[in-house]
Amino acid sequence: MDLIKELWVFLRVRKKLWLAPIIIVLLILGGLLVLAQGSVVAPFIYTLF
């Protein structure tokens, strides 16, 4: 949890808040790929990338 706090403080102090949505989307896509790795949906997800 400290990593998330430090990242947020970094983005806020350096005025890089526009990066926050990009980071969130990348984390969601990464989590989706990890969760769907062994499922039937995996081939369809991999075709998107």
C-alpha atoms as a PDB file:
ATOM      1  CA  MET A   1       0.000   0.000   0.000  1.00  0.00           C
ATOM      2  CA  ASP A   2       2.948   2.334   0.580  1.00  0.00           C
ATOM      3  CA  LEU A   3       3.945   1.994  -3.062  1.00  0.00           C
ATOM      4  CA  ILE A   4       0.566   3.305  -4.172  1.00  0.00           C
ATOM      5  CA  LYS A   5       0.798   6.234  -1.744  1.00  0.00           C
ATOM      6  CA  GLU A   6       4.300   7.114  -2.923  1.00  0.00           C
ATOM      7  CA  LEU A   7       3.253   6.883  -6.569  1.00  0.00           C
ATOM      8  CA  TRP A   8       0.270   9.168  -5.935  1.00  0.00           C
ATOM      9  CA  VAL A   9       2.426  11.717  -4.076  1.00  0.00           C
ATOM     10  CA  PHE A  10       4.995  11.607  -6.889  1.00  0.00           C
ATOM     11  CA  LEU A  11       2.347  12.193  -9.540  1.00  0.00           C
ATOM     12  CA  ARG A  12       0.771  15.027  -7.553  1.00  0.00           C
ATOM     13  CA  VAL A  13       4.016  16.824  -6.688  1.00  0.00           C
ATOM     14  CA  ARG A  14       5.472  16.556 -10.196  1.00  0.00           C
ATOM     15  CA  LYS A  15       2.150  17.631 -11.792  1.00  0.00           C
ATOM     16  CA  LYS A  16       1.893  14.371 -13.708  1.00  0.00           C
ATOM     17  CA  LEU A  17      -1.709  13.541 -12.788  1.00  0.00           C
ATOM     18  CA  TRP A  18      -2.477  12.866 -16.447  1.00  0.00           C
ATOM     19  CA  LEU A  19      -0.468   9.637 -16.051  1.00  0.00           C
ATOM     20  CA  ALA A  20      -2.847   8.243 -13.412  1.00  0.00           C
ATOM     21  CA  PRO A  21      -5.547   6.993 -15.861  1.00  0.00           C
ATOM     22  CA  ILE A  22      -2.896   5.375 -18.042  1.00  0.00           C
ATOM     23  CA  ILE A  23      -1.395   3.536 -15.076  1.00  0.00           C
ATOM     24  CA  ILE A  24      -4.823   2.395 -13.878  1.00  0.00           C
ATOM     25  CA  VAL A  25      -5.765   1.036 -17.311  1.00  0.00           C
ATOM     26  CA  LEU A  26      -2.438  -0.811 -17.607  1.00  0.00           C
ATOM     27  CA  LEU A  27      -2.935  -2.375 -14.169  1.00  0.00           C
ATOM     28  CA  ILE A  28      -6.462  -3.499 -15.057  1.00  0.00           C
ATOM     29  CA  LEU A  29      -5.317  -5.020 -18.362  1.00  0.00           C
ATOM     30  CA  GLY A  30      -2.402  -6.753 -16.638  1.00  0.00           C
ATOM     31  CA  GLY A  31      -4.711  -8.170 -13.984  1.00  0.00           C
ATOM     32  CA  LEU A  32      -7.131  -9.343 -16.667  1.00  0.00           C
ATOM     33  CA  LEU A  33      -4.343 -11.159 -18.504  1.00  0.00           C
ATOM     34  CA  VAL A  34      -3.119 -12.828 -15.315  1.00  0.00           C
ATOM     35  CA  LEU A  35      -6.608 -13.935 -14.278  1.00  0.00           C
ATOM     36  CA  ALA A  36      -7.573 -15.189 -17.738  1.00  0.00           C
ATOM     37  CA  GLN A  37      -4.312 -17.015 -18.377  1.00  0.00           C
ATOM     38  CA  GLY A  38      -5.695 -20.497 -17.795  1.00  0.00           C
ATOM     39  CA  SER A  39      -9.251 -19.915 -18.922  1.00  0.00           C
ATOM     40  CA  VAL A  40     -11.107 -20.450 -22.171  1.00  0.00           C
ATOM     41  CA  VAL A  41     -11.200 -16.691 -22.757  1.00  0.00           C
ATOM     42  CA  ALA A  42      -7.393 -16.417 -23.007  1.00  0.00           C
ATOM     43  CA  PRO A  43      -7.099 -16.855 -26.804  1.00  0.00           C
ATOM     44  CA  PHE A  44      -9.643 -14.070 -27.373  1.00  0.00           C
ATOM     45  CA  ILE A  45      -7.851 -11.698 -25.009  1.00  0.00           C
ATOM     46  CA  TYR A  46      -4.473 -12.356 -26.589  1.00  0.00           C
ATOM     47  CA  THR A  47      -5.836 -11.535 -30.034  1.00  0.00           C
ATOM     48  CA  LEU A  48      -6.511  -7.990 -28.795  1.00  0.00           C
ATOM     49  CA  PHE A  49      -2.823  -7.457 -28.198  1.00  0.00           C
END
